[in-house]
Amino acid sequence: MYGALPADTLAELLLYLNEHEAFASLKPLGTVSRQALSASLQALAKKLKDEGSQHSEVPDFHEWKELPEPYRQILAKLSPREAQILFKGLGN
């Protein structure tokens, strides 16, 4: 988490800004080119996505034999983020 944002969400935001923002204020500064900034944002987004995927690994609910099958099927459909929220809510 970065503030209130999960790493995956922040990575998507950086990629969106990189694609849709001109960053016109860079030109007068003359310190960083748009291409260098773009490469840096893409690298940072990749690192954040990798970090997010490491922290959001979800167990294979199909292996949880102590739960009845219908519950395992429902839990298996959760996204990693949803499973993380569920675990956090249950105190795990």
Protein backbone atom coordinates (compact mmCIF):
# COMPACT_ATOMS: atom_id res chain seq x y z
CA MET A 1 0.00 0.00 0.00
CA TYR A 2 1.13 3.49 -0.81
CA GLY A 3 -1.04 5.80 1.23
CA ALA A 4 -4.54 4.56 0.46
CA LEU A 5 -3.56 3.00 -2.89
CA PRO A 6 -2.56 -0.60 -3.46
CA ALA A 7 0.61 -1.02 -5.53
CA ASP A 8 -1.33 -2.40 -8.53
CA THR A 9 -3.68 0.59 -8.59
CA LEU A 10 -0.82 3.05 -8.35
CA ALA A 11 0.96 1.26 -11.20
CA GLU A 12 -2.12 1.56 -13.42
CA LEU A 13 -2.42 5.25 -12.57
CA LEU A 14 1.21 5.85 -13.51
CA LEU A 15 0.75 4.04 -16.82
CA TYR A 16 -2.40 6.05 -17.55
CA LEU A 17 -0.64 9.33 -16.80
CA ASN A 18 2.32 8.29 -18.91
CA GLU A 19 0.04 7.58 -21.85
CA HIS A 20 -2.30 10.58 -21.55
CA GLU A 21 -0.27 13.39 -19.98
CA ALA A 22 2.05 15.58 -22.04
CA PHE A 23 4.09 16.76 -19.03
CA ALA A 24 4.61 20.10 -20.78
CA SER A 25 6.32 21.55 -17.71
CA LEU A 26 9.36 19.34 -18.41
CA LYS A 27 10.43 21.32 -21.48
CA PRO A 28 11.14 24.63 -19.71
CA LEU A 29 13.07 22.81 -16.99
CA GLY A 30 15.39 21.23 -19.52
CA THR A 31 16.52 18.58 -17.04
CA VAL A 32 14.58 15.49 -18.10
CA SER A 33 13.28 14.55 -21.51
CA ARG A 34 9.76 13.27 -22.04
CA GLN A 35 11.22 9.99 -23.29
CA ALA A 36 13.34 9.55 -20.14
CA LEU A 37 10.36 10.31 -17.92
CA SER A 38 8.22 7.85 -19.89
CA ALA A 39 10.80 5.09 -19.50
CA SER A 40 11.10 5.83 -15.79
CA LEU A 41 7.34 5.75 -15.25
CA GLN A 42 7.04 2.46 -17.12
CA ALA A 43 9.86 0.91 -15.07
CA LEU A 44 8.34 2.15 -11.82
CA ALA A 45 4.90 0.84 -12.81
CA LYS A 46 6.38 -2.57 -13.61
CA LYS A 47 8.15 -2.66 -10.25
CA LEU A 48 4.93 -1.70 -8.45
CA LYS A 49 2.96 -4.36 -10.32
CA ASP A 50 5.56 -6.98 -9.40
CA GLU A 51 5.44 -5.84 -5.79
CA GLY A 52 1.65 -5.89 -5.79
CA SER A 53 1.50 -9.40 -7.19
CA GLN A 54 3.92 -10.64 -4.52
CA HIS A 55 1.76 -9.19 -1.75
CA SER A 56 -1.55 -10.26 -3.20
CA GLU A 57 -1.00 -13.95 -3.75
CA VAL A 58 -4.19 -15.79 -2.93
CA PRO A 59 -4.30 -19.34 -1.67
CA ASP A 60 -5.88 -21.96 -3.87
CA PHE A 61 -9.29 -22.17 -2.24
CA HIS A 62 -9.99 -25.44 -4.04
CA GLU A 63 -7.43 -27.01 -1.69
CA TRP A 64 -9.30 -25.93 1.44
CA LYS A 65 -10.95 -29.29 2.10
CA GLU A 66 -12.35 -28.14 5.46
CA LEU A 67 -14.81 -25.90 3.57
CA PRO A 68 -17.81 -27.32 1.73
CA GLU A 69 -17.41 -27.32 -2.07
CA PRO A 70 -19.93 -24.51 -2.77
CA TYR A 71 -17.95 -22.14 -0.51
CA ARG A 72 -14.65 -23.11 -2.14
CA GLN A 73 -16.09 -22.39 -5.58
CA ILE A 74 -17.28 -18.95 -4.48
CA LEU A 75 -13.99 -18.06 -2.81
CA ALA A 76 -12.00 -19.24 -5.83
CA LYS A 77 -13.72 -16.56 -7.93
CA LEU A 78 -12.36 -13.71 -5.80
CA SER A 79 -9.70 -11.46 -7.23
CA PRO A 80 -6.46 -11.23 -5.24
CA ARG A 81 -7.54 -7.80 -3.96
CA GLU A 82 -10.98 -9.08 -2.92
CA ALA A 83 -9.42 -12.03 -1.11
CA GLN A 84 -7.01 -9.69 0.67
CA ILE A 85 -9.92 -7.48 1.81
CA LEU A 86 -11.83 -10.55 3.00
CA PHE A 87 -8.85 -11.89 4.96
CA LYS A 88 -8.20 -8.48 6.48
CA GLY A 89 -11.87 -8.22 7.50
CA LEU A 90 -11.71 -11.63 9.13
CA GLY A 91 -8.57 -10.69 11.01
CA ASN A 92 -6.14 -12.90 9.06
